Amino acid sequence: MLRTDSLRAQPRTSLPRVGVGTRSTRIGASTSRRERNDAVEILEKRFGYFPHEFRWRGHTHQVQAVERTWTKMGRAAQLCFRVRCQEGVFDLMQNAKTNIWSLSVVQKKQST
């Protein structure tokens, strides 16, 4: 039988929030607020699934390679694609419920 008397007698201390101080520090990751979750328009898909061409901030980008795909589960599932373009590496996310696409910059090519 579980005794809860001893648990109630202990003073309550606040625990740190989950994730506090564990922010990602990927090299090349964008920390600029305006480069995260920007809306994008998918112009063309390969095989009816993978993004092949998209428009972001008025410029059209051709996808050279899809490096990784994964699914984020939450209130609405998100299909995620890490893509490499001439301009850099981006994470494209599709909200499966609303079909709205967004973009996060992983690494931008340095212009010379």
N, C-alpha and C. Protein backbone atom coordinates (compact mmCIF):
# COMPACT_ATOMS: atom_id res chain seq x y z
N MET A 1 0.84 -1.18 0.00
CA MET A 1 0.00 0.00 0.00
C MET A 1 0.89 1.24 0.00
N LEU A 2 0.54 2.23 -0.79
CA LEU A 2 1.32 3.45 -0.94
C LEU A 2 0.94 4.44 0.15
N ARG A 3 1.92 4.94 0.86
CA ARG A 3 1.66 5.92 1.92
C ARG A 3 1.99 7.30 1.39
N THR A 4 1.03 8.19 1.39
CA THR A 4 1.22 9.54 0.88
C THR A 4 1.43 10.55 1.99
N ASP A 5 1.40 10.11 3.26
CA ASP A 5 1.59 11.05 4.38
C ASP A 5 2.94 11.75 4.28
N SER A 6 3.98 10.97 3.98
CA SER A 6 5.33 11.54 3.95
C SER A 6 5.48 12.51 2.78
N LEU A 7 4.76 12.30 1.71
CA LEU A 7 4.84 13.20 0.56
C LEU A 7 4.23 14.56 0.88
N ARG A 8 3.15 14.58 1.63
CA ARG A 8 2.49 15.83 1.97
C ARG A 8 3.28 16.64 2.98
N ALA A 9 4.06 15.97 3.79
CA ALA A 9 4.81 16.67 4.84
C ALA A 9 6.00 17.44 4.27
N GLN A 10 6.47 17.10 3.10
CA GLN A 10 7.63 17.77 2.53
C GLN A 10 7.23 19.14 1.99
N PRO A 11 8.09 20.15 2.18
CA PRO A 11 7.77 21.47 1.63
C PRO A 11 7.85 21.43 0.10
N ARG A 12 6.98 22.17 -0.53
CA ARG A 12 6.96 22.21 -2.00
C ARG A 12 8.02 23.17 -2.50
N THR A 13 8.80 22.71 -3.42
CA THR A 13 9.79 23.58 -4.07
C THR A 13 9.46 23.60 -5.55
N SER A 14 9.64 24.74 -6.15
CA SER A 14 9.32 24.83 -7.57
C SER A 14 10.44 24.20 -8.39
N LEU A 15 10.04 23.43 -9.35
CA LEU A 15 10.99 22.78 -10.23
C LEU A 15 11.22 23.67 -11.44
N PRO A 16 12.39 23.62 -12.05
CA PRO A 16 12.62 24.42 -13.26
C PRO A 16 11.72 23.94 -14.39
N ARG A 17 11.32 24.86 -15.24
CA ARG A 17 10.48 24.51 -16.38
C ARG A 17 11.24 23.60 -17.32
N VAL A 18 10.53 22.72 -17.96
CA VAL A 18 11.14 21.80 -18.93
C VAL A 18 11.62 22.62 -20.11
N GLY A 19 12.86 22.39 -20.50
CA GLY A 19 13.41 23.08 -21.66
C GLY A 19 14.13 24.37 -21.34
N VAL A 20 14.09 24.84 -20.09
CA VAL A 20 14.77 26.08 -19.74
C VAL A 20 16.27 25.87 -19.87
N GLY A 21 16.91 26.75 -20.60
CA GLY A 21 18.37 26.67 -20.76
C GLY A 21 18.83 25.59 -21.72
N THR A 22 17.91 25.02 -22.49
CA THR A 22 18.30 23.95 -23.41
C THR A 22 18.08 24.35 -24.85
N ARG A 23 18.08 25.62 -25.13
CA ARG A 23 17.85 26.11 -26.49
C ARG A 23 18.95 25.61 -27.44
N SER A 24 18.56 25.28 -28.62
CA SER A 24 19.49 24.75 -29.62
C SER A 24 20.55 25.79 -29.97
N THR A 25 21.77 25.35 -30.09
CA THR A 25 22.87 26.24 -30.49
C THR A 25 23.55 25.69 -31.73
N ARG A 26 22.75 25.22 -32.70
CA ARG A 26 23.32 24.69 -33.94
C ARG A 26 24.14 25.76 -34.63
N ILE A 27 25.26 25.38 -35.15
CA ILE A 27 26.09 26.31 -35.90
C ILE A 27 25.36 26.63 -37.20
N GLY A 28 25.23 27.90 -37.50
CA GLY A 28 24.56 28.31 -38.72
C GLY A 28 23.06 28.46 -38.56
N ALA A 29 22.52 28.10 -37.40
CA ALA A 29 21.08 28.24 -37.18
C ALA A 29 20.73 29.70 -37.06
N SER A 30 19.60 30.05 -37.60
CA SER A 30 19.16 31.44 -37.58
C SER A 30 18.61 31.79 -36.21
N THR A 31 19.04 32.90 -35.66
CA THR A 31 18.47 33.38 -34.42
C THR A 31 17.66 34.64 -34.66
N SER A 32 17.63 35.10 -35.88
CA SER A 32 16.86 36.28 -36.24
C SER A 32 15.39 35.94 -36.27
N ARG A 33 14.59 36.71 -35.57
CA ARG A 33 13.17 36.41 -35.46
C ARG A 33 12.47 36.46 -36.82
N ARG A 34 12.86 37.36 -37.69
CA ARG A 34 12.15 37.49 -38.96
C ARG A 34 12.49 36.38 -39.95
N GLU A 35 13.51 35.56 -39.66
CA GLU A 35 13.87 34.47 -40.57
C GLU A 35 13.32 33.14 -40.09
N ARG A 36 12.44 33.15 -39.13
CA ARG A 36 11.86 31.91 -38.62
C ARG A 36 10.37 31.90 -38.90
N ASN A 37 9.90 30.81 -39.43
CA ASN A 37 8.49 30.60 -39.69
C ASN A 37 7.89 31.65 -40.62
N ASP A 38 8.64 32.08 -41.61
CA ASP A 38 8.11 32.96 -42.65
C ASP A 38 7.20 32.14 -43.57
N ALA A 39 6.14 32.78 -44.03
CA ALA A 39 5.23 32.10 -44.96
C ALA A 39 5.90 31.94 -46.32
N VAL A 40 5.67 30.81 -46.95
CA VAL A 40 6.19 30.55 -48.27
C VAL A 40 5.07 29.99 -49.15
N GLU A 41 5.28 30.10 -50.45
CA GLU A 41 4.33 29.55 -51.41
C GLU A 41 5.04 28.44 -52.18
N ILE A 42 4.50 27.25 -52.12
CA ILE A 42 5.08 26.12 -52.85
C ILE A 42 4.56 26.19 -54.29
N LEU A 43 5.48 26.31 -55.24
CA LEU A 43 5.11 26.44 -56.64
C LEU A 43 5.06 25.10 -57.36
N GLU A 44 5.92 24.17 -56.93
CA GLU A 44 6.00 22.87 -57.59
C GLU A 44 6.47 21.81 -56.61
N LYS A 45 5.91 20.60 -56.73
CA LYS A 45 6.33 19.47 -55.90
C LYS A 45 6.83 18.36 -56.81
N ARG A 46 7.76 17.57 -56.28
CA ARG A 46 8.23 16.37 -57.00
C ARG A 46 7.47 15.18 -56.46
N PHE A 47 7.02 14.33 -57.33
CA PHE A 47 6.28 13.12 -56.97
C PHE A 47 5.02 13.45 -56.15
N GLY A 48 4.52 14.68 -56.28
CA GLY A 48 3.32 15.09 -55.56
C GLY A 48 3.50 15.23 -54.06
N TYR A 49 4.76 15.23 -53.58
CA TYR A 49 5.01 15.23 -52.14
C TYR A 49 6.15 16.16 -51.74
N PHE A 50 7.32 16.01 -52.35
CA PHE A 50 8.51 16.78 -51.97
C PHE A 50 8.50 18.17 -52.61
N PRO A 51 8.81 19.22 -51.83
CA PRO A 51 8.88 20.56 -52.44
C PRO A 51 10.02 20.61 -53.46
N HIS A 52 9.75 21.20 -54.62
CA HIS A 52 10.75 21.30 -55.68
C HIS A 52 11.07 22.76 -56.02
N GLU A 53 10.07 23.63 -55.88
CA GLU A 53 10.25 25.05 -56.16
C GLU A 53 9.33 25.83 -55.23
N PHE A 54 9.85 26.91 -54.62
CA PHE A 54 9.02 27.71 -53.73
C PHE A 54 9.38 29.18 -53.84
N ARG A 55 8.44 30.02 -53.44
CA ARG A 55 8.65 31.46 -53.46
C ARG A 55 8.69 31.95 -52.01
N TRP A 56 9.77 32.68 -51.68
CA TRP A 56 9.96 33.22 -50.34
C TRP A 56 10.46 34.65 -50.48
N ARG A 57 9.75 35.58 -49.86
CA ARG A 57 10.11 37.00 -49.90
C ARG A 57 10.27 37.51 -51.33
N GLY A 58 9.39 37.05 -52.22
CA GLY A 58 9.39 37.53 -53.59
C GLY A 58 10.39 36.88 -54.52
N HIS A 59 11.21 35.98 -54.01
CA HIS A 59 12.22 35.30 -54.84
C HIS A 59 11.86 33.83 -54.98
N THR A 60 12.07 33.29 -56.16
CA THR A 60 11.82 31.88 -56.43
C THR A 60 13.08 31.09 -56.16
N HIS A 61 12.95 29.97 -55.45
CA HIS A 61 14.08 29.11 -55.09
C HIS A 61 13.83 27.72 -55.64
N GLN A 62 14.85 27.16 -56.28
CA GLN A 62 14.81 25.79 -56.80
C GLN A 62 15.45 24.89 -55.75
N VAL A 63 14.80 23.81 -55.40
CA VAL A 63 15.35 22.84 -54.46
C VAL A 63 16.31 21.92 -55.21
N GLN A 64 17.57 21.90 -54.75
CA GLN A 64 18.57 21.01 -55.35
C GLN A 64 18.47 19.61 -54.76
N ALA A 65 18.19 19.54 -53.44
CA ALA A 65 18.09 18.25 -52.78
C ALA A 65 17.25 18.36 -51.52
N VAL A 66 16.48 17.32 -51.25
CA VAL A 66 15.77 17.20 -49.97
C VAL A 66 16.69 16.35 -49.09
N GLU A 67 17.24 16.96 -48.03
CA GLU A 67 18.23 16.28 -47.21
C GLU A 67 17.60 15.43 -46.11
N ARG A 68 16.40 15.82 -45.66
CA ARG A 68 15.80 15.12 -44.53
C ARG A 68 14.31 15.39 -44.52
N THR A 69 13.52 14.42 -44.09
CA THR A 69 12.09 14.62 -43.87
C THR A 69 11.72 14.06 -42.51
N TRP A 70 10.75 14.69 -41.85
CA TRP A 70 10.26 14.19 -40.56
C TRP A 70 8.88 14.78 -40.31
N THR A 71 8.21 14.25 -39.30
CA THR A 71 6.87 14.71 -38.94
C THR A 71 6.90 15.20 -37.51
N LYS A 72 6.32 16.38 -37.27
CA LYS A 72 6.14 16.91 -35.92
C LYS A 72 4.68 16.71 -35.54
N MET A 73 4.46 16.10 -34.41
CA MET A 73 3.09 15.89 -33.95
C MET A 73 2.76 16.93 -32.89
N GLY A 74 1.58 17.46 -32.94
CA GLY A 74 1.11 18.45 -31.99
C GLY A 74 -0.38 18.62 -32.19
N ARG A 75 -0.87 19.83 -32.01
CA ARG A 75 -2.29 20.07 -32.29
C ARG A 75 -2.63 19.68 -33.71
N ALA A 76 -1.75 20.06 -34.61
CA ALA A 76 -1.88 19.64 -36.01
C ALA A 76 -0.53 19.11 -36.44
N ALA A 77 -0.52 18.02 -37.14
CA ALA A 77 0.73 17.43 -37.61
C ALA A 77 1.40 18.36 -38.61
N GLN A 78 2.72 18.39 -38.58
CA GLN A 78 3.49 19.17 -39.54
C GLN A 78 4.42 18.23 -40.28
N LEU A 79 4.42 18.33 -41.60
CA LEU A 79 5.37 17.60 -42.42
C LEU A 79 6.56 18.53 -42.64
N CYS A 80 7.75 18.09 -42.31
CA CYS A 80 8.94 18.94 -42.36
C CYS A 80 9.94 18.40 -43.37
N PHE A 81 10.57 19.32 -44.08
CA PHE A 81 11.54 18.97 -45.12
C PHE A 81 12.75 19.89 -44.97
N ARG A 82 13.93 19.32 -44.83
CA ARG A 82 15.16 20.11 -44.87
C ARG A 82 15.64 20.08 -46.32
N VAL A 83 15.68 21.26 -46.94
CA VAL A 83 16.02 21.34 -48.36
C VAL A 83 17.28 22.18 -48.56
N ARG A 84 18.05 21.81 -49.59
CA ARG A 84 19.24 22.57 -49.97
C ARG A 84 18.96 23.25 -51.30
N CYS A 85 19.18 24.56 -51.32
CA CYS A 85 19.01 25.37 -52.53
C CYS A 85 20.34 26.08 -52.79
N GLN A 86 20.42 26.77 -53.91
CA GLN A 86 21.63 27.54 -54.22
C GLN A 86 21.84 28.62 -53.16
N GLU A 87 20.76 29.15 -52.58
CA GLU A 87 20.84 30.25 -51.62
C GLU A 87 21.12 29.79 -50.19
N GLY A 88 21.01 28.49 -49.90
CA GLY A 88 21.29 28.00 -48.56
C GLY A 88 20.46 26.77 -48.22
N VAL A 89 20.40 26.46 -46.92
CA VAL A 89 19.65 25.30 -46.42
C VAL A 89 18.47 25.83 -45.60
N PHE A 90 17.27 25.28 -45.86
CA PHE A 90 16.05 25.75 -45.23
C PHE A 90 15.24 24.57 -44.71
N ASP A 91 14.46 24.81 -43.66
CA ASP A 91 13.46 23.86 -43.19
C ASP A 91 12.11 24.36 -43.65
N LEU A 92 11.44 23.58 -44.48
CA LEU A 92 10.09 23.90 -44.94
C LEU A 92 9.12 23.03 -44.15
N MET A 93 8.09 23.66 -43.57
CA MET A 93 7.10 22.94 -42.78
C MET A 93 5.72 23.14 -43.37
N GLN A 94 4.98 22.04 -43.50
CA GLN A 94 3.61 22.10 -44.01
C GLN A 94 2.67 21.69 -42.89
N ASN A 95 1.74 22.58 -42.53
CA ASN A 95 0.70 22.23 -41.58
C ASN A 95 -0.25 21.31 -42.31
N ALA A 96 -0.34 20.06 -41.87
CA ALA A 96 -1.13 19.06 -42.58
C ALA A 96 -2.63 19.37 -42.54
N LYS A 97 -3.07 20.09 -41.54
CA LYS A 97 -4.49 20.40 -41.41
C LYS A 97 -4.91 21.55 -42.32
N THR A 98 -4.12 22.62 -42.36
CA THR A 98 -4.48 23.83 -43.11
C THR A 98 -3.77 23.96 -44.44
N ASN A 99 -2.76 23.12 -44.69
CA ASN A 99 -1.93 23.17 -45.89
C ASN A 99 -1.20 24.51 -46.03
N ILE A 100 -0.86 25.13 -44.91
CA ILE A 100 -0.07 26.37 -44.91
C ILE A 100 1.39 25.98 -44.72
N TRP A 101 2.25 26.54 -45.57
CA TRP A 101 3.69 26.26 -45.52
C TRP A 101 4.42 27.40 -44.86
N SER A 102 5.47 27.06 -44.10
CA SER A 102 6.33 28.08 -43.48
C SER A 102 7.78 27.64 -43.64
N LEU A 103 8.70 28.57 -43.37
CA LEU A 103 10.12 28.33 -43.62
C LEU A 103 10.95 28.84 -42.45
N SER A 104 11.98 28.10 -42.12
CA SER A 104 13.01 28.55 -41.17
C SER A 104 14.36 28.40 -41.85
N VAL A 105 15.22 29.39 -41.67
CA VAL A 105 16.55 29.36 -42.27
C VAL A 105 17.47 28.53 -41.39
N VAL A 106 18.13 27.55 -41.96
CA VAL A 106 19.12 26.76 -41.24
C VAL A 106 20.50 27.33 -41.49
N GLN A 107 20.82 27.57 -42.77
CA GLN A 107 22.13 28.13 -43.12
C GLN A 107 22.00 28.89 -44.43
N LYS A 108 22.39 30.14 -44.40
CA LYS A 108 22.39 30.95 -45.63
C LYS A 108 23.76 30.92 -46.25
N LYS A 109 23.79 30.90 -47.56
CA LYS A 109 25.07 31.00 -48.27
C LYS A 109 25.60 32.41 -48.11
N GLN A 110 26.88 32.54 -47.89
CA GLN A 110 27.50 33.86 -47.76
C GLN A 110 27.73 34.41 -49.16
N SER A 111 27.23 35.62 -49.40
CA SER A 111 27.45 36.23 -50.71
C SER A 111 28.84 36.86 -50.75
N THR A 112 29.53 36.64 -51.86
CA THR A 112 30.91 37.14 -51.97
C THR A 112 30.99 38.31 -52.89
